[in-house]
C-alpha atoms as a PDB file:
ATOM      1  CA  MET A   1      -7.130  10.133   5.878  1.00  0.00           C
ATOM      2  CA  ILE A   2      -4.511  10.328   2.831  1.00  0.00           C
ATOM      3  CA  ASP A   3      -1.063   8.932   4.016  1.00  0.00           C
ATOM      4  CA  ASN A   4       2.033   7.456   2.435  1.00  0.00           C
ATOM      5  CA  TRP A   5       2.606  10.091  -0.353  1.00  0.00           C
ATOM      6  CA  ARG A   6       4.753   9.118  -3.115  1.00  0.00           C
ATOM      7  CA  THR A   7       6.387  10.830  -6.095  1.00  0.00           C
ATOM      8  CA  SER A   8       7.815   9.237  -9.172  1.00  0.00           C
ATOM      9  CA  SER A   9      11.373   8.348  -9.166  1.00  0.00           C
ATOM     10  CA  HIS A  10      11.175   9.556 -12.749  1.00  0.00           C
ATOM     11  CA  SER A  11      10.460  13.463 -11.620  1.00  0.00           C
ATOM     12  CA  GLY A  12      13.616  14.657 -11.658  1.00  0.00           C
ATOM     13  CA  GLN A  13      14.879  17.797  -9.737  1.00  0.00           C
ATOM     14  CA  GLU A  14      12.793  20.549 -11.442  1.00  0.00           C
ATOM     15  CA  GLY A  15      10.009  20.037  -9.063  1.00  0.00           C
ATOM     16  CA  ASN A  16       7.291  19.823 -11.995  1.00  0.00           C
ATOM     17  CA  CYS A  17       5.913  16.415 -10.377  1.00  0.00           C
ATOM     18  CA  VAL A  18       2.913  15.288  -8.475  1.00  0.00           C
ATOM     19  CA  GLU A  19       2.625  13.183  -5.506  1.00  0.00           C
ATOM     20  CA  VAL A  20       0.215  10.164  -4.858  1.00  0.00           C
ATOM     21  CA  GLY A  21      -1.232   9.127  -1.773  1.00  0.00           C
ATOM     22  CA  ARG A  22      -3.584   6.267  -0.408  1.00  0.00           C
ATOM     23  CA  GLY A  23      -6.187   6.516   2.163  1.00  0.00           C
ATOM     24  CA  SER A  24      -8.335   3.613   3.443  1.00  0.00           C
ATOM     25  CA  ASP A  25     -11.329   4.682   1.014  1.00  0.00           C
ATOM     26  CA  GLU A  26      -9.691   7.374  -1.301  1.00  0.00           C
ATOM     27  CA  VAL A  27      -6.733   8.089  -3.448  1.00  0.00           C
ATOM     28  CA  GLY A  28      -5.035  11.625  -3.241  1.00  0.00           C
ATOM     29  CA  VAL A  29      -3.133  13.628  -5.984  1.00  0.00           C
ATOM     30  CA  ARG A  30      -1.367  16.675  -5.050  1.00  0.00           C
ATOM     31  CA  ASP A  31       1.249  19.336  -6.409  1.00  0.00           C
ATOM     32  CA  THR A  32       4.827  18.738  -4.677  1.00  0.00           C
ATOM     33  CA  LYS A  33       5.091  22.855  -5.109  1.00  0.00           C
ATOM     34  CA  ASP A  34       1.898  23.764  -3.617  1.00  0.00           C
ATOM     35  CA  ARG A  35       1.047  20.942  -1.035  1.00  0.00           C
ATOM     36  CA  ASP A  36      -1.451  22.716   0.842  1.00  0.00           C
ATOM     37  CA  GLY A  37      -3.071  24.189  -2.373  1.00  0.00           C
ATOM     38  CA  GLY A  38      -5.540  21.350  -2.481  1.00  0.00           C
ATOM     39  CA  THR A  39      -5.735  17.689  -3.249  1.00  0.00           C
ATOM     40  CA  LEU A  40      -7.667  15.887  -6.296  1.00  0.00           C
ATOM     41  CA  ARG A  41      -9.420  12.724  -4.546  1.00  0.00           C
ATOM     42  CA  PHE A  42     -10.588   9.625  -6.180  1.00  0.00           C
ATOM     43  CA  ASN A  43     -12.267   6.414  -5.627  1.00  0.00           C
ATOM     44  CA  PRO A  44      -9.531   3.694  -5.226  1.00  0.00           C
ATOM     45  CA  ASP A  45     -11.626   1.674  -7.766  1.00  0.00           C
ATOM     46  CA  ALA A  46     -11.662   4.684 -10.244  1.00  0.00           C
ATOM     47  CA  TRP A  47      -7.911   5.360 -10.052  1.00  0.00           C
ATOM     48  CA  ASP A  48      -7.082   1.732 -10.720  1.00  0.00           C
ATOM     49  CA  ARG A  49      -9.136   1.963 -13.756  1.00  0.00           C
ATOM     50  CA  PHE A  50      -7.434   4.963 -14.819  1.00  0.00           C
ATOM     51  CA  LEU A  51      -3.796   3.464 -14.333  1.00  0.00           C
ATOM     52  CA  ARG A  52      -4.962   0.485 -15.921  1.00  0.00           C
ATOM     53  CA  SER A  53      -6.096   2.353 -18.971  1.00  0.00           C
ATOM     54  CA  LEU A  54      -2.764   3.989 -19.271  1.00  0.00           C
ATOM     55  CA  GLU A  55      -1.329   0.716 -19.809  1.00  0.00           C
ATOM     56  CA  ASP A  56      -3.595   0.242 -22.973  1.00  0.00           C
END
């Protein structure tokens, strides 16, 4: 189960943002305007590699 959903402090008030949540064996990403509309799910290792690639 994914919990602990967070949005970036840089998101602003326009509502054009996503939330990221971590579970014990997955990371989820969803649209804040449609939280029930579906969740992209990632393996935690793949998500960490993705974040590291943004730093390069």
